[in-house]
Protein backbone atom coordinates (compact mmCIF):
# COMPACT_ATOMS: atom_id res chain seq x y z
CA MET A 1 104.77 125.09 99.83
CA HIS A 2 104.94 121.42 98.87
CA ASP A 3 103.90 120.07 95.50
CA THR A 4 101.07 117.57 95.78
CA ILE A 5 101.02 115.11 92.90
CA SER A 6 99.31 111.95 91.73
CA ARG A 7 101.41 109.24 90.10
CA HIS A 8 99.96 106.22 88.30
CA LEU A 9 102.26 103.16 88.33
CA LEU A 10 102.32 99.64 86.93
CA ILE A 11 104.44 97.25 89.01
CA GLU A 12 105.53 93.94 87.47
CA GLY A 13 107.35 90.94 88.86
CA ASP A 14 106.91 87.99 91.17
CA LEU A 15 104.35 89.72 93.38
CA PRO A 16 102.34 87.67 95.88
CA ALA A 17 99.27 89.88 95.32
CA ASP A 18 97.58 89.80 98.75
CA MET A 19 100.86 90.19 100.65
CA PHE A 20 102.24 92.92 98.34
CA THR A 21 98.93 94.82 98.42
CA ALA A 22 98.80 94.77 102.23
CA TRP A 23 102.44 95.89 102.33
CA VAL A 24 101.72 98.82 99.95
CA ILE A 25 98.71 99.92 101.99
CA ASP A 26 100.76 99.81 105.21
CA ARG A 27 103.57 101.91 103.66
CA ALA A 28 101.10 104.40 102.17
CA GLU A 29 99.44 104.90 105.54
CA ARG A 30 102.85 105.40 107.20
CA LEU A 31 103.72 108.05 104.60
CA SER A 32 100.26 109.69 104.84
CA ILE A 33 99.58 109.35 101.13
CA SER A 34 96.32 108.34 99.50
CA GLY A 35 95.40 106.33 96.45
CA TRP A 36 94.40 102.88 95.34
CA ILE A 37 95.91 99.56 94.30
CA ARG A 38 94.53 96.70 92.23
CA THR A 39 95.72 93.44 90.73
CA CYS A 40 95.83 93.57 86.93
CA GLY A 41 96.80 89.99 86.29
CA ALA A 42 99.50 87.52 87.19
CA GLY A 43 102.53 89.46 88.30
CA GLN A 44 101.03 92.92 87.75
CA LEU A 45 99.72 95.51 90.18
CA GLU A 46 98.40 98.95 89.27
CA LEU A 47 98.85 101.73 91.78
CA LEU A 48 97.78 105.36 92.02
CA ILE A 49 99.46 107.38 94.77
CA THR A 50 98.71 110.97 95.76
CA GLY A 51 100.63 113.13 98.20
CA GLU A 52 103.56 115.46 98.59
CA ARG A 53 106.05 114.88 95.76
CA VAL A 54 108.84 113.78 98.10
CA LEU A 55 106.54 111.22 99.76
CA VAL A 56 105.27 109.90 96.41
CA ASP A 57 108.91 109.51 95.31
CA ALA A 58 109.68 107.67 98.56
CA MET A 59 106.71 105.35 98.01
CA GLU A 60 107.88 104.55 94.48
CA VAL A 61 111.37 103.69 95.77
CA ALA A 62 109.85 101.52 98.51
CA CYS A 63 107.75 99.70 95.89
CA SER A 64 110.82 99.05 93.76
CA LEU A 65 112.34 97.21 96.73
CA GLY A 66 109.07 95.62 97.86
CA PRO A 67 108.61 93.22 100.75
CA ALA A 68 111.12 90.39 101.24
CA ALA A 69 108.90 87.73 99.59
CA ALA A 70 108.44 89.74 96.36
CA ARG A 71 110.71 90.30 93.37
CA VAL A 72 109.93 93.55 91.57
CA GLU A 73 111.11 93.43 87.96
CA SER A 74 109.90 96.84 86.80
CA ILE A 75 107.88 99.90 87.70
CA LYS A 76 106.42 101.91 84.84
CA THR A 77 104.99 105.39 85.29
CA LEU A 78 101.68 105.50 83.40
CA GLY A 79 101.01 109.13 84.27
CA GLU A 80 101.66 111.96 86.68
CA ALA A 81 99.79 115.18 87.42
CA LEU A 82 99.68 117.95 89.96
CA SER A 83 96.91 117.18 92.39
CA LYS A 84 94.11 119.57 93.26
CA GLN A 85 94.12 118.28 96.85
CA GLY A 86 95.76 120.38 99.52
CA SER A 87 99.04 119.29 101.06
CA ARG A 88 97.29 118.50 104.36
CA GLN A 89 95.09 115.63 103.29
CA VAL A 90 93.68 112.70 105.16
CA SER A 91 95.42 109.48 104.19
CA SER A 92 93.12 106.97 102.59
CA PHE A 93 94.26 103.99 100.57
CA VAL A 94 91.84 101.64 98.85
CA ARG A 95 92.24 98.09 97.56
CA HIS A 96 90.25 97.49 94.37
CA SER A 97 89.22 94.20 92.86
CA VAL A 98 90.22 93.35 89.32
CA GLY A 99 88.50 95.85 87.05
CA SER A 100 88.27 99.60 86.90
CA PRO A 101 88.66 101.58 90.12
CA THR A 102 85.85 103.98 90.92
């Protein structure tokens, strides 16, 4: 059985927001993980990813490298929890506007 977790991240750096957000959504869909992303301010993106632990870890590594046009300076884990979702979930990733995700 695979652990399904949710990890809340804050990514900081030189992050072209629209391009980085689209890149994250594409990678999340390829890994079949769900979650959301939003811009917090200049050079900051907040991300919540949910899926099998190994896939969430892979997504975090991918984010640390980012797309070619971005320069990631840091990724901070704001929280992590076991997810109540089953390991066979439908991938859904949402882009939120500035403000609280719903």
